[in-house]
């Protein structure tokens, strides 16, 4: 069963360009993963530093493989997460 992730990220406006660049690069790398079905990056309207991510994987194992990928560690864990002022994530089974 497909597995979806919706993440809301917020960073200071001064960090927005760095976070945006990292998210766009991780989108490119993630779309090449065998279990990835979708990876969308959105800038939240009227909220400088706000991002919304929508990810879909063939199954939960595909998402776990994504989290184990080197680009996830480099771009999300080491680059994006330290710059965030707020982060929330929702995990869901696709019906």
Protein backbone atom coordinates (compact mmCIF):
# COMPACT_ATOMS: atom_id res chain seq x y z
CA UNK A 1 0.00 0.00 0.00
CA UNK A 2 1.34 3.43 -0.94
CA UNK A 3 2.72 5.59 1.87
CA UNK A 4 2.49 9.39 1.94
CA UNK A 5 4.31 12.06 3.91
CA UNK A 6 3.20 15.68 4.27
CA UNK A 7 5.71 17.97 5.95
CA UNK A 8 5.39 21.62 6.93
CA UNK A 9 8.70 23.43 7.37
CA UNK A 10 9.35 26.97 8.56
CA UNK A 11 12.63 28.80 8.63
CA UNK A 12 13.73 32.38 9.15
CA UNK A 13 13.35 34.46 5.97
CA UNK A 14 17.15 34.91 5.92
CA UNK A 15 17.54 31.11 5.57
CA UNK A 16 14.83 30.68 2.94
CA UNK A 17 17.16 30.57 -0.08
CA UNK A 18 19.38 27.91 1.51
CA UNK A 19 16.42 25.76 2.53
CA UNK A 20 14.76 26.16 -0.88
CA UNK A 21 17.92 25.12 -2.74
CA UNK A 22 18.39 22.05 -0.54
CA UNK A 23 14.74 21.01 -0.91
CA UNK A 24 14.88 21.33 -4.68
CA UNK A 25 18.06 19.24 -4.82
CA UNK A 26 16.61 16.54 -2.54
CA UNK A 27 13.50 16.52 -4.74
CA UNK A 28 15.66 15.72 -7.76
CA UNK A 29 17.56 12.96 -5.93
CA UNK A 30 14.43 11.48 -4.33
CA UNK A 31 12.52 11.26 -7.61
CA UNK A 32 15.29 8.90 -8.82
CA UNK A 33 14.67 6.47 -5.93
CA UNK A 34 12.95 3.27 -7.10
CA UNK A 35 10.06 3.44 -4.59
CA UNK A 36 9.34 7.16 -4.95
CA UNK A 37 6.09 7.98 -6.73
CA UNK A 38 5.94 11.73 -6.04
CA UNK A 39 7.95 14.43 -4.31
CA UNK A 40 6.57 17.96 -4.47
CA UNK A 41 8.03 21.08 -2.87
CA UNK A 42 5.75 24.10 -2.35
CA UNK A 43 6.46 27.57 -1.01
CA UNK A 44 3.64 28.57 1.34
CA UNK A 45 1.84 31.61 -0.06
CA UNK A 46 2.20 34.77 2.02
CA UNK A 47 4.52 33.07 4.51
CA UNK A 48 8.21 33.87 3.94
CA UNK A 49 10.27 30.85 4.94
CA UNK A 50 7.28 28.48 4.79
CA UNK A 51 7.42 25.23 2.81
CA UNK A 52 5.05 22.33 2.28
CA UNK A 53 6.35 18.96 1.08
CA UNK A 54 4.25 16.13 -0.31
CA UNK A 55 5.96 12.77 -0.76
CA UNK A 56 4.54 9.42 -1.89
CA UNK A 57 6.31 6.07 -1.88
CA UNK A 58 5.24 2.62 -3.09
CA UNK A 59 5.19 1.48 0.55
CA UNK A 60 6.57 2.30 3.97
CA UNK A 61 9.77 0.36 3.21
CA UNK A 62 10.35 2.76 0.31
CA UNK A 63 10.10 5.70 2.69
CA UNK A 64 12.49 4.03 5.12
CA UNK A 65 14.96 3.51 2.25
CA UNK A 66 14.60 7.22 1.41
CA UNK A 67 15.50 8.17 5.00
CA UNK A 68 18.60 5.94 4.77
CA UNK A 69 19.82 7.60 1.54
CA UNK A 70 22.94 9.75 1.66
CA UNK A 71 21.20 12.73 0.05
CA UNK A 72 18.54 12.68 2.81
CA UNK A 73 21.23 12.87 5.50
CA UNK A 74 23.23 15.56 3.69
CA UNK A 75 20.41 17.78 2.48
CA UNK A 76 17.62 17.30 5.03
CA UNK A 77 19.20 16.20 8.31
CA UNK A 78 22.44 18.19 8.06
CA UNK A 79 21.34 21.23 6.00
CA UNK A 80 17.60 21.88 6.30
CA UNK A 81 16.61 20.69 9.77
CA UNK A 82 19.17 22.85 11.65
CA UNK A 83 17.72 25.96 9.96
CA UNK A 84 14.08 25.26 10.78
CA UNK A 85 12.14 27.19 13.38
CA UNK A 86 9.19 24.78 13.13
CA UNK A 87 8.54 21.38 11.59
CA UNK A 88 5.51 19.09 11.55
CA UNK A 89 5.10 15.85 9.66
CA UNK A 90 2.05 13.71 8.93
CA UNK A 91 2.37 10.09 7.73
CA UNK A 92 -0.52 8.41 5.91
CA UNK A 93 -1.52 5.28 4.03
CA UNK A 94 -2.84 6.14 0.57
CA UNK A 95 -6.36 4.75 0.09
